[in-house]
């Protein structure tokens, strides 16, 4: 096989891949719809990240200061009733530290930097607040982040996926009925927007589809509970804690029946 034949073959393969990516829609009659769902939940877990760093010409001295701060924080975490399994500590990292001297116009050696990070998860906001109230930060002990989590996140995401599937089917049925058609089988389902070209420039997908019951009330996920409250309505505690928003979106291509 000569070079020209190989180049022609590679070009045809590239074109085929591009067409397969663009032509993600069937050549027959179809409806492309998206289904999505959204829920807000009050977080019931709180994760804090603390960073420890000491710089000293003596690596041993820097290490001792870091370890002393780490042991102090571990003791305070224990007093806050944080279980050992909820604490993750990284190993020591050692590297040279330099600073730029504007007068000499060069990097000047400062010492050896020893760093370490601890991440701890609290199951109560009050426990986190108490821990922070008793913590003294400094240049060598810093709070780098406080994040919120949801213990029932897996179940919530599963419920959202079910709702997004329901909304895609509902929208497709409404569209098909409006045009006097019937839904056939499903051609493809994906949680990634398909590549398509309809001959016009497509706009962005709407941000959210809100399901509504025949009575006009929005659906709520009654089976998912966070801190004793339904997701559709949060108590006054949400003003302090804030909400965590979860979303799910799915794209479905329905074939139209003849």
C-alpha atoms as a PDB file:
ATOM      1  CA  UNK A   1       0.000   0.000   0.000  1.00  0.00           C
ATOM      2  CA  UNK A   2       1.593   3.280  -1.097  1.00  0.00           C
ATOM      3  CA  UNK A   3       1.683   6.534   0.831  1.00  0.00           C
ATOM      4  CA  UNK A   4      -1.097   8.135  -1.235  1.00  0.00           C
ATOM      5  CA  UNK A   5      -3.445   5.211  -0.504  1.00  0.00           C
ATOM      6  CA  UNK A   6      -2.666   5.385   3.225  1.00  0.00           C
ATOM      7  CA  UNK A   7      -3.354   9.128   3.333  1.00  0.00           C
ATOM      8  CA  UNK A   8      -6.638   8.655   1.502  1.00  0.00           C
ATOM      9  CA  UNK A   9      -7.667   5.923   3.924  1.00  0.00           C
ATOM     10  CA  UNK A  10      -6.802   8.053   6.961  1.00  0.00           C
ATOM     11  CA  UNK A  11      -8.739  10.987   5.516  1.00  0.00           C
ATOM     12  CA  UNK A  12     -11.820   8.838   4.965  1.00  0.00           C
ATOM     13  CA  UNK A  13     -11.617   7.517   8.516  1.00  0.00           C
ATOM     14  CA  UNK A  14     -11.383  11.058   9.892  1.00  0.00           C
ATOM     15  CA  UNK A  15     -14.394  12.148   7.863  1.00  0.00           C
ATOM     16  CA  UNK A  16     -16.324   9.112   9.027  1.00  0.00           C
ATOM     17  CA  UNK A  17     -15.577   9.870  12.679  1.00  0.00           C
ATOM     18  CA  UNK A  18     -16.632  13.511  12.220  1.00  0.00           C
ATOM     19  CA  UNK A  19     -19.873  12.491  10.534  1.00  0.00           C
ATOM     20  CA  UNK A  20     -20.588   9.939  13.252  1.00  0.00           C
ATOM     21  CA  UNK A  21     -20.143  12.639  15.868  1.00  0.00           C
ATOM     22  CA  UNK A  22     -22.294  15.222  14.103  1.00  0.00           C
ATOM     23  CA  UNK A  23     -24.952  12.799  12.886  1.00  0.00           C
ATOM     24  CA  UNK A  24     -25.871  11.623  16.377  1.00  0.00           C
ATOM     25  CA  UNK A  25     -29.536  11.805  15.331  1.00  0.00           C
ATOM     26  CA  UNK A  26     -31.410   9.196  13.291  1.00  0.00           C
ATOM     27  CA  UNK A  27     -32.299   9.869   9.625  1.00  0.00           C
ATOM     28  CA  UNK A  28     -35.936   8.956  10.325  1.00  0.00           C
ATOM     29  CA  UNK A  29     -38.595  11.056  12.062  1.00  0.00           C
ATOM     30  CA  UNK A  30     -37.703  11.708  15.680  1.00  0.00           C
ATOM     31  CA  UNK A  31     -38.001  14.056  18.633  1.00  0.00           C
ATOM     32  CA  UNK A  32     -34.994  15.202  20.631  1.00  0.00           C
ATOM     33  CA  UNK A  33     -35.862  16.329  24.145  1.00  0.00           C
ATOM     34  CA  UNK A  34     -34.020  16.925  27.378  1.00  0.00           C
ATOM     35  CA  UNK A  35     -35.251  16.104  30.830  1.00  0.00           C
ATOM     36  CA  UNK A  36     -33.832  17.694  33.933  1.00  0.00           C
ATOM     37  CA  UNK A  37     -34.491  17.917  37.625  1.00  0.00           C
ATOM     38  CA  UNK A  38     -33.289  20.077  40.456  1.00  0.00           C
ATOM     39  CA  UNK A  39     -33.514  19.839  44.230  1.00  0.00           C
ATOM     40  CA  UNK A  40     -32.255  21.947  47.104  1.00  0.00           C
ATOM     41  CA  UNK A  41     -31.193  20.338  50.348  1.00  0.00           C
ATOM     42  CA  UNK A  42     -29.888  21.607  53.654  1.00  0.00           C
ATOM     43  CA  UNK A  43     -26.401  20.144  54.184  1.00  0.00           C
ATOM     44  CA  UNK A  44     -25.925  17.995  57.249  1.00  0.00           C
ATOM     45  CA  UNK A  45     -22.165  17.481  57.090  1.00  0.00           C
ATOM     46  CA  UNK A  46     -19.394  20.046  57.204  1.00  0.00           C
ATOM     47  CA  UNK A  47     -15.838  19.488  56.020  1.00  0.00           C
ATOM     48  CA  UNK A  48     -12.962  21.705  57.120  1.00  0.00           C
ATOM     49  CA  UNK A  49      -9.481  21.811  55.628  1.00  0.00           C
ATOM     50  CA  UNK A  50      -6.524  23.049  57.656  1.00  0.00           C
ATOM     51  CA  UNK A  51      -3.065  23.742  56.304  1.00  0.00           C
ATOM     52  CA  UNK A  52       0.116  23.617  58.365  1.00  0.00           C
ATOM     53  CA  UNK A  53       3.373  25.183  57.234  1.00  0.00           C
ATOM     54  CA  UNK A  54       6.648  26.131  58.863  1.00  0.00           C
ATOM     55  CA  UNK A  55       9.730  27.613  57.206  1.00  0.00           C
ATOM     56  CA  UNK A  56      13.093  27.404  58.909  1.00  0.00           C
ATOM     57  CA  UNK A  57      16.750  27.052  57.903  1.00  0.00           C
ATOM     58  CA  UNK A  58      16.640  23.810  59.905  1.00  0.00           C
ATOM     59  CA  UNK A  59      14.286  21.208  58.335  1.00  0.00           C
ATOM     60  CA  UNK A  60      14.085  19.456  61.707  1.00  0.00           C
ATOM     61  CA  UNK A  61      12.915  22.572  63.483  1.00  0.00           C
ATOM     62  CA  UNK A  62      10.276  23.243  60.806  1.00  0.00           C
ATOM     63  CA  UNK A  63       9.058  19.651  61.042  1.00  0.00           C
ATOM     64  CA  UNK A  64       8.724  19.842  64.829  1.00  0.00           C
ATOM     65  CA  UNK A  65       6.629  23.017  64.639  1.00  0.00           C
ATOM     66  CA  UNK A  66       4.329  21.504  62.053  1.00  0.00           C
ATOM     67  CA  UNK A  67       3.899  18.289  64.037  1.00  0.00           C
ATOM     68  CA  UNK A  68       3.211  20.246  67.214  1.00  0.00           C
ATOM     69  CA  UNK A  69       0.400  22.170  65.491  1.00  0.00           C
ATOM     70  CA  UNK A  70      -0.972  18.973  63.948  1.00  0.00           C
ATOM     71  CA  UNK A  71      -1.125  17.226  67.324  1.00  0.00           C
ATOM     72  CA  UNK A  72      -2.820  20.284  68.849  1.00  0.00           C
ATOM     73  CA  UNK A  73      -5.504  20.292  66.155  1.00  0.00           C
ATOM     74  CA  UNK A  74      -6.030  16.522  66.428  1.00  0.00           C
ATOM     75  CA  UNK A  75      -6.599  16.959  70.147  1.00  0.00           C
ATOM     76  CA  UNK A  76      -9.167  19.708  69.526  1.00  0.00           C
ATOM     77  CA  UNK A  77     -10.908  17.559  66.894  1.00  0.00           C
ATOM     78  CA  UNK A  78     -11.174  14.747  69.407  1.00  0.00           C
ATOM     79  CA  UNK A  79     -12.672  17.144  71.944  1.00  0.00           C
ATOM     80  CA  UNK A  80     -15.228  18.117  69.277  1.00  0.00           C
ATOM     81  CA  UNK A  81     -16.200  14.425  68.985  1.00  0.00           C
ATOM     82  CA  UNK A  82     -14.900  14.001  65.438  1.00  0.00           C
ATOM     83  CA  UNK A  83     -14.316  10.308  64.853  1.00  0.00           C
ATOM     84  CA  UNK A  84     -10.835   9.212  63.679  1.00  0.00           C
ATOM     85  CA  UNK A  85     -12.377   7.804  60.489  1.00  0.00           C
ATOM     86  CA  UNK A  86     -13.580  11.303  59.578  1.00  0.00           C
ATOM     87  CA  UNK A  87     -10.066  12.776  59.702  1.00  0.00           C
ATOM     88  CA  UNK A  88      -7.621  12.586  56.793  1.00  0.00           C
ATOM     89  CA  UNK A  89      -4.055  13.822  57.149  1.00  0.00           C
ATOM     90  CA  UNK A  90      -1.556  14.079  54.333  1.00  0.00           C
ATOM     91  CA  UNK A  91       2.085  13.136  54.724  1.00  0.00           C
ATOM     92  CA  UNK A  92       4.783  15.735  55.247  1.00  0.00           C
ATOM     93  CA  UNK A  93       5.987  17.645  52.221  1.00  0.00           C
ATOM     94  CA  UNK A  94       9.417  19.263  52.305  1.00  0.00           C
ATOM     95  CA  UNK A  95      10.754  21.732  49.775  1.00  0.00           C
ATOM     96  CA  UNK A  96      13.151  24.699  49.652  1.00  0.00           C
ATOM     97  CA  UNK A  97      11.581  28.129  49.983  1.00  0.00           C
ATOM     98  CA  UNK A  98      12.910  31.241  48.268  1.00  0.00           C
ATOM     99  CA  UNK A  99      11.890  34.875  47.972  1.00  0.00           C
ATOM    100  CA  UNK A 100      12.726  37.495  45.389  1.00  0.00           C
ATOM    101  CA  UNK A 101      15.105  40.235  46.554  1.00  0.00           C
ATOM    102  CA  UNK A 102      14.249  43.384  44.586  1.00  0.00           C
ATOM    103  CA  UNK A 103      17.565  45.057  45.465  1.00  0.00           C
ATOM    104  CA  UNK A 104      19.720  42.117  44.426  1.00  0.00           C
ATOM    105  CA  UNK A 105      17.244  41.185  41.690  1.00  0.00           C
ATOM    106  CA  UNK A 106      17.580  37.524  42.407  1.00  0.00           C
ATOM    107  CA  UNK A 107      15.989  34.680  44.348  1.00  0.00           C
ATOM    108  CA  UNK A 108      17.271  34.430  47.917  1.00  0.00           C
ATOM    109  CA  UNK A 109      17.081  31.216  49.926  1.00  0.00           C
ATOM    110  CA  UNK A 110      14.817  31.579  52.967  1.00  0.00           C
ATOM    111  CA  UNK A 111      14.803  28.080  54.395  1.00  0.00           C
ATOM    112  CA  UNK A 112      13.112  24.711  54.167  1.00  0.00           C
ATOM    113  CA  UNK A 113       9.314  24.663  54.086  1.00  0.00           C
ATOM    114  CA  UNK A 114       7.510  21.756  55.741  1.00  0.00           C
ATOM    115  CA  UNK A 115       3.778  21.496  55.008  1.00  0.00           C
ATOM    116  CA  UNK A 116       0.909  19.194  55.884  1.00  0.00           C
ATOM    117  CA  UNK A 117      -2.881  19.224  55.439  1.00  0.00           C
ATOM    118  CA  UNK A 118      -5.715  17.844  57.576  1.00  0.00           C
ATOM    119  CA  UNK A 119      -9.317  17.432  56.445  1.00  0.00           C
ATOM    120  CA  UNK A 120     -12.017  16.666  59.015  1.00  0.00           C
ATOM    121  CA  UNK A 121     -15.766  16.112  58.650  1.00  0.00           C
ATOM    122  CA  UNK A 122     -18.277  17.281  61.274  1.00  0.00           C
ATOM    123  CA  UNK A 123     -21.788  15.847  61.479  1.00  0.00           C
ATOM    124  CA  UNK A 124     -23.149  18.914  63.273  1.00  0.00           C
ATOM    125  CA  UNK A 125     -22.770  22.580  62.466  1.00  0.00           C
ATOM    126  CA  UNK A 126     -22.652  23.456  66.159  1.00  0.00           C
ATOM    127  CA  UNK A 127     -19.649  21.162  66.641  1.00  0.00           C
ATOM    128  CA  UNK A 128     -17.812  22.885  63.814  1.00  0.00           C
ATOM    129  CA  UNK A 129     -18.598  26.304  65.262  1.00  0.00           C
ATOM    130  CA  UNK A 130     -17.325  25.224  68.665  1.00  0.00           C
ATOM    131  CA  UNK A 131     -14.125  23.877  67.113  1.00  0.00           C
ATOM    132  CA  UNK A 132     -13.505  27.137  65.251  1.00  0.00           C
ATOM    133  CA  UNK A 133     -14.153  29.168  68.384  1.00  0.00           C
ATOM    134  CA  UNK A 134     -11.382  27.274  70.200  1.00  0.00           C
ATOM    135  CA  UNK A 135      -8.919  27.357  67.309  1.00  0.00           C
ATOM    136  CA  UNK A 136      -6.141  29.925  67.134  1.00  0.00           C
ATOM    137  CA  UNK A 137      -4.852  30.411  63.592  1.00  0.00           C
ATOM    138  CA  UNK A 138      -1.507  31.861  62.571  1.00  0.00           C
ATOM    139  CA  UNK A 139       0.926  31.972  59.677  1.00  0.00           C
ATOM    140  CA  UNK A 140       1.743  28.340  60.415  1.00  0.00           C
ATOM    141  CA  UNK A 141      -1.854  27.133  60.948  1.00  0.00           C
ATOM    142  CA  UNK A 142      -4.529  28.249  58.515  1.00  0.00           C
ATOM    143  CA  UNK A 143      -8.125  27.293  57.719  1.00  0.00           C
ATOM    144  CA  UNK A 144      -8.127  27.026  53.934  1.00  0.00           C
ATOM    145  CA  UNK A 145     -11.717  25.900  53.314  1.00  0.00           C
ATOM    146  CA  UNK A 146     -15.034  24.918  54.893  1.00  0.00           C
ATOM    147  CA  UNK A 147     -17.343  22.924  52.615  1.00  0.00           C
ATOM    148  CA  UNK A 148     -20.814  21.490  53.069  1.00  0.00           C
ATOM    149  CA  UNK A 149     -21.941  17.973  52.217  1.00  0.00           C
ATOM    150  CA  UNK A 150     -25.129  15.911  52.187  1.00  0.00           C
ATOM    151  CA  UNK A 151     -25.153  12.447  53.746  1.00  0.00           C
ATOM    152  CA  UNK A 152     -27.992  11.235  51.507  1.00  0.00           C
ATOM    153  CA  UNK A 153     -26.445  12.555  48.314  1.00  0.00           C
ATOM    154  CA  UNK A 154     -26.456   9.172  46.552  1.00  0.00           C
ATOM    155  CA  UNK A 155     -30.174   8.607  47.127  1.00  0.00           C
ATOM    156  CA  UNK A 156     -30.948  12.183  46.116  1.00  0.00           C
ATOM    157  CA  UNK A 157     -29.069  11.889  42.833  1.00  0.00           C
ATOM    158  CA  UNK A 158     -30.863   8.613  42.071  1.00  0.00           C
ATOM    159  CA  UNK A 159     -34.220  10.298  42.674  1.00  0.00           C
ATOM    160  CA  UNK A 160     -33.241  13.228  40.456  1.00  0.00           C
ATOM    161  CA  UNK A 161     -32.254  10.889  37.621  1.00  0.00           C
ATOM    162  CA  UNK A 162     -35.656   9.214  37.848  1.00  0.00           C
ATOM    163  CA  UNK A 163     -37.376  12.603  37.694  1.00  0.00           C
ATOM    164  CA  UNK A 164     -35.312  13.779  34.721  1.00  0.00           C
ATOM    165  CA  UNK A 165     -36.243  10.610  32.832  1.00  0.00           C
ATOM    166  CA  UNK A 166     -39.902  11.214  33.644  1.00  0.00           C
ATOM    167  CA  UNK A 167     -39.700  14.804  32.435  1.00  0.00           C
ATOM    168  CA  UNK A 168     -38.089  13.778  29.117  1.00  0.00           C
ATOM    169  CA  UNK A 169     -40.851  11.260  28.460  1.00  0.00           C
ATOM    170  CA  UNK A 170     -43.543  13.784  29.450  1.00  0.00           C
ATOM    171  CA  UNK A 171     -42.168  16.491  27.175  1.00  0.00           C
ATOM    172  CA  UNK A 172     -41.816  14.117  24.233  1.00  0.00           C
ATOM    173  CA  UNK A 173     -45.414  12.929  24.608  1.00  0.00           C
ATOM    174  CA  UNK A 174     -46.733  16.493  24.750  1.00  0.00           C
ATOM    175  CA  UNK A 175     -44.800  17.506  21.627  1.00  0.00           C
ATOM    176  CA  UNK A 176     -45.791  14.395  19.671  1.00  0.00           C
ATOM    177  CA  UNK A 177     -49.462  14.781  20.567  1.00  0.00           C
ATOM    178  CA  UNK A 178     -49.450  18.444  19.575  1.00  0.00           C
ATOM    179  CA  UNK A 179     -48.279  17.479  16.072  1.00  0.00           C
ATOM    180  CA  UNK A 180     -50.616  14.513  15.741  1.00  0.00           C
ATOM    181  CA  UNK A 181     -47.859  11.924  16.057  1.00  0.00           C
ATOM    182  CA  UNK A 182     -47.126   9.010  18.351  1.00  0.00           C
ATOM    183  CA  UNK A 183     -43.922   8.102  20.111  1.00  0.00           C
ATOM    184  CA  UNK A 184     -42.111   5.001  18.972  1.00  0.00           C
ATOM    185  CA  UNK A 185     -38.999   3.472  20.439  1.00  0.00           C
ATOM    186  CA  UNK A 186     -35.997   5.190  21.941  1.00  0.00           C
ATOM    187  CA  UNK A 187     -33.048   5.798  19.625  1.00  0.00           C
ATOM    188  CA  UNK A 188     -30.506   7.054  22.167  1.00  0.00           C
ATOM    189  CA  UNK A 189     -30.195   8.281  25.733  1.00  0.00           C
ATOM    190  CA  UNK A 190     -27.272  10.257  27.124  1.00  0.00           C
ATOM    191  CA  UNK A 191     -26.431  12.661  29.916  1.00  0.00           C
ATOM    192  CA  UNK A 192     -24.186  14.535  27.466  1.00  0.00           C
ATOM    193  CA  UNK A 193     -25.779  16.890  24.922  1.00  0.00           C
ATOM    194  CA  UNK A 194     -25.629  15.247  21.459  1.00  0.00           C
ATOM    195  CA  UNK A 195     -23.867  16.851  18.534  1.00  0.00           C
ATOM    196  CA  UNK A 196     -26.366  17.873  15.857  1.00  0.00           C
ATOM    197  CA  UNK A 197     -26.870  20.232  12.946  1.00  0.00           C
ATOM    198  CA  UNK A 198     -30.349  21.245  11.846  1.00  0.00           C
ATOM    199  CA  UNK A 199     -29.159  23.818   9.365  1.00  0.00           C
ATOM    200  CA  UNK A 200     -29.697  26.681  11.825  1.00  0.00           C
ATOM    201  CA  UNK A 201     -27.668  27.977  14.724  1.00  0.00           C
ATOM    202  CA  UNK A 202     -29.029  26.399  17.862  1.00  0.00           C
ATOM    203  CA  UNK A 203     -29.438  28.403  21.021  1.00  0.00           C
ATOM    204  CA  UNK A 204     -28.541  27.280  24.507  1.00  0.00           C
ATOM    205  CA  UNK A 205     -30.598  24.668  26.286  1.00  0.00           C
ATOM    206  CA  UNK A 206     -33.051  26.076  28.840  1.00  0.00           C
ATOM    207  CA  UNK A 207     -31.622  25.957  32.326  1.00  0.00           C
ATOM    208  CA  UNK A 208     -34.379  24.030  34.041  1.00  0.00           C
ATOM    209  CA  UNK A 209     -37.622  22.175  33.400  1.00  0.00           C
ATOM    210  CA  UNK A 210     -40.067  22.350  36.275  1.00  0.00           C
ATOM    211  CA  UNK A 211     -42.443  19.450  36.658  1.00  0.00           C
ATOM    212  CA  UNK A 212     -45.932  20.296  37.810  1.00  0.00           C
ATOM    213  CA  UNK A 213     -48.775  18.128  38.956  1.00  0.00           C
ATOM    214  CA  UNK A 214     -52.264  18.370  37.408  1.00  0.00           C
ATOM    215  CA  UNK A 215     -53.243  20.628  40.317  1.00  0.00           C
ATOM    216  CA  UNK A 216     -50.456  23.033  39.480  1.00  0.00           C
ATOM    217  CA  UNK A 217     -48.217  22.310  42.463  1.00  0.00           C
ATOM    218  CA  UNK A 218     -44.579  21.531  41.886  1.00  0.00           C
ATOM    219  CA  UNK A 219     -43.532  17.972  42.593  1.00  0.00           C
ATOM    220  CA  UNK A 220     -41.448  17.371  45.692  1.00  0.00           C
ATOM    221  CA  UNK A 221     -39.139  14.478  46.487  1.00  0.00           C
ATOM    222  CA  UNK A 222     -40.936  13.296  49.593  1.00  0.00           C
ATOM    223  CA  UNK A 223     -38.656  10.299  50.142  1.00  0.00           C
ATOM    224  CA  UNK A 224     -35.505  12.377  50.466  1.00  0.00           C
ATOM    225  CA  UNK A 225     -35.194  14.104  53.796  1.00  0.00           C
ATOM    226  CA  UNK A 226     -32.460  16.297  55.159  1.00  0.00           C
ATOM    227  CA  UNK A 227     -32.326  17.397  58.796  1.00  0.00           C
ATOM    228  CA  UNK A 228     -35.979  16.425  59.160  1.00  0.00           C
ATOM    229  CA  UNK A 229     -37.343  18.702  56.438  1.00  0.00           C
ATOM    230  CA  UNK A 230     -38.710  18.119  52.962  1.00  0.00           C
ATOM    231  CA  UNK A 231     -36.594  19.352  50.087  1.00  0.00           C
ATOM    232  CA  UNK A 232     -39.368  21.464  48.662  1.00  0.00           C
ATOM    233  CA  UNK A 233     -39.439  23.740  51.716  1.00  0.00           C
ATOM    234  CA  UNK A 234     -36.609  24.541  54.088  1.00  0.00           C
ATOM    235  CA  UNK A 235     -36.827  25.736  57.680  1.00  0.00           C
ATOM    236  CA  UNK A 236     -35.316  28.911  59.061  1.00  0.00           C
ATOM    237  CA  UNK A 237     -32.063  27.001  59.630  1.00  0.00           C
ATOM    238  CA  UNK A 238     -31.384  27.289  55.905  1.00  0.00           C
ATOM    239  CA  UNK A 239     -30.646  31.004  56.408  1.00  0.00           C
ATOM    240  CA  UNK A 240     -27.658  29.997  58.499  1.00  0.00           C
ATOM    241  CA  UNK A 241     -26.488  26.873  56.714  1.00  0.00           C
ATOM    242  CA  UNK A 242     -27.499  27.632  53.151  1.00  0.00           C
ATOM    243  CA  UNK A 243     -28.737  25.241  50.506  1.00  0.00           C
ATOM    244  CA  UNK A 244     -26.878  22.739  48.392  1.00  0.00           C
ATOM    245  CA  UNK A 245     -28.302  22.524  44.873  1.00  0.00           C
ATOM    246  CA  UNK A 246     -28.264  19.254  42.928  1.00  0.00           C
ATOM    247  CA  UNK A 247     -29.132  18.958  39.252  1.00  0.00           C
ATOM    248  CA  UNK A 248     -29.569  16.136  36.776  1.00  0.00           C
ATOM    249  CA  UNK A 249     -30.071  16.372  33.019  1.00  0.00           C
ATOM    250  CA  UNK A 250     -30.618  13.724  30.391  1.00  0.00           C
ATOM    251  CA  UNK A 251     -31.052  13.895  26.590  1.00  0.00           C
ATOM    252  CA  UNK A 252     -33.307  11.415  24.823  1.00  0.00           C
ATOM    253  CA  UNK A 253     -34.028  10.846  21.148  1.00  0.00           C
ATOM    254  CA  UNK A 254     -37.480   9.306  20.628  1.00  0.00           C
ATOM    255  CA  UNK A 255     -38.430   7.806  17.276  1.00  0.00           C
ATOM    256  CA  UNK A 256     -41.897   8.644  15.947  1.00  0.00           C
ATOM    257  CA  UNK A 257     -44.220   5.776  15.135  1.00  0.00           C
ATOM    258  CA  UNK A 258     -45.595   5.526  11.606  1.00  0.00           C
END
